[in-house]
Amino acid sequence: MKASKFLRLKARFAQASEVIVEAAKEVSVVVEKAVKEIVEAEQTVEKIVEEVKEVVEEAKPIVEAPIEEVKPTKKKVVKDA
């Protein structure tokens, strides 16, 4: 292999390496941002779950309270002839 061809290939390899390193840095930043958003979403879901639990606890006595019996009404049923 000629020296000039070797130097061109070496330069291309260096450029490719630089592109790969920059891409890896960008991916790292995106992943870090995604992780932060997931953590925030988890915290939001935990808060909502706690609020739902509180509402359920407040509603339990109402749901478990005896319901007055509904008295049937006396209505005539007319059948079609």
Protein backbone atom coordinates (compact mmCIF):
# COMPACT_ATOMS: atom_id res chain seq x y z
CA MET A 1 0.00 0.00 0.00
CA LYS A 2 1.31 3.40 -0.91
CA ALA A 3 1.99 5.90 1.84
CA SER A 4 -0.39 8.51 0.35
CA LYS A 5 -3.26 6.00 0.21
CA PHE A 6 -2.51 4.93 3.77
CA LEU A 7 -2.59 8.57 4.96
CA ARG A 8 -5.93 9.18 3.17
CA LEU A 9 -7.42 6.08 4.78
CA LYS A 10 -6.02 7.11 8.14
CA ALA A 11 -7.61 10.56 7.77
CA ARG A 12 -10.97 9.02 6.79
CA PHE A 13 -10.80 6.69 9.75
CA ALA A 14 -10.09 9.65 12.04
CA GLN A 15 -13.10 11.51 10.61
CA ALA A 16 -15.31 8.44 11.01
CA SER A 17 -14.12 8.01 14.58
CA GLU A 18 -14.93 11.65 15.33
CA VAL A 19 -18.42 11.27 13.86
CA ILE A 20 -19.01 8.16 15.94
CA VAL A 21 -17.82 9.87 19.13
CA GLU A 22 -20.09 12.89 18.49
CA ALA A 23 -23.04 10.63 17.73
CA ALA A 24 -22.41 8.68 20.94
CA LYS A 25 -22.38 11.94 22.92
CA GLU A 26 -25.69 13.00 21.35
CA VAL A 27 -27.24 9.61 22.09
CA SER A 28 -26.02 9.88 25.66
CA VAL A 29 -27.67 13.28 26.07
CA VAL A 30 -30.94 12.00 24.61
CA VAL A 31 -30.90 8.93 26.87
CA GLU A 32 -30.21 11.06 29.96
CA LYS A 33 -33.12 13.34 29.06
CA ALA A 34 -35.40 10.34 28.50
CA VAL A 35 -34.42 8.87 31.87
CA LYS A 36 -35.22 12.17 33.60
CA GLU A 37 -38.62 12.31 31.88
CA ILE A 38 -39.36 8.71 32.88
CA VAL A 39 -38.46 9.45 36.51
CA GLU A 40 -40.72 12.52 36.46
CA ALA A 41 -43.53 10.46 34.94
CA GLU A 42 -43.09 7.78 37.61
CA GLN A 43 -43.33 10.42 40.33
CA THR A 44 -46.47 11.84 38.74
CA VAL A 45 -48.04 8.39 38.54
CA GLU A 46 -47.18 7.73 42.20
CA LYS A 47 -48.88 10.99 43.20
CA ILE A 48 -51.97 10.10 41.16
CA VAL A 49 -52.10 6.63 42.71
CA GLU A 50 -51.97 8.16 46.19
CA GLU A 51 -54.77 10.60 45.28
CA VAL A 52 -56.90 7.75 43.93
CA LYS A 53 -56.31 5.75 47.12
CA GLU A 54 -57.47 8.73 49.17
CA VAL A 55 -60.61 9.12 47.07
CA VAL A 56 -61.36 5.41 47.36
CA GLU A 57 -60.96 5.57 51.15
CA GLU A 58 -63.33 8.57 51.26
CA ALA A 59 -65.86 6.78 49.05
CA LYS A 60 -65.83 3.46 50.94
CA PRO A 61 -68.30 4.50 53.66
CA ILE A 62 -70.67 5.87 51.04
CA VAL A 63 -70.54 2.72 48.95
CA GLU A 64 -70.81 0.41 51.94
CA ALA A 65 -73.72 2.33 53.49
CA PRO A 66 -77.04 0.54 53.26
CA ILE A 67 -79.14 1.60 50.31
CA GLU A 68 -82.82 2.16 50.89
CA GLU A 69 -84.94 -0.37 49.12
CA VAL A 70 -86.72 1.01 46.12
CA LYS A 71 -90.40 0.22 46.27
CA PRO A 72 -91.92 -1.00 43.03
CA THR A 73 -94.60 1.18 41.51
CA LYS A 74 -97.89 -0.25 40.41
CA LYS A 75 -98.28 0.35 36.72
CA LYS A 76 -100.41 -1.54 34.26
CA VAL A 77 -98.59 -3.07 31.37
CA VAL A 78 -100.51 -2.69 28.16
CA LYS A 79 -99.85 -5.39 25.62
CA ASP A 80 -100.10 -4.70 21.92
CA ALA A 81 -102.97 -6.54 20.28
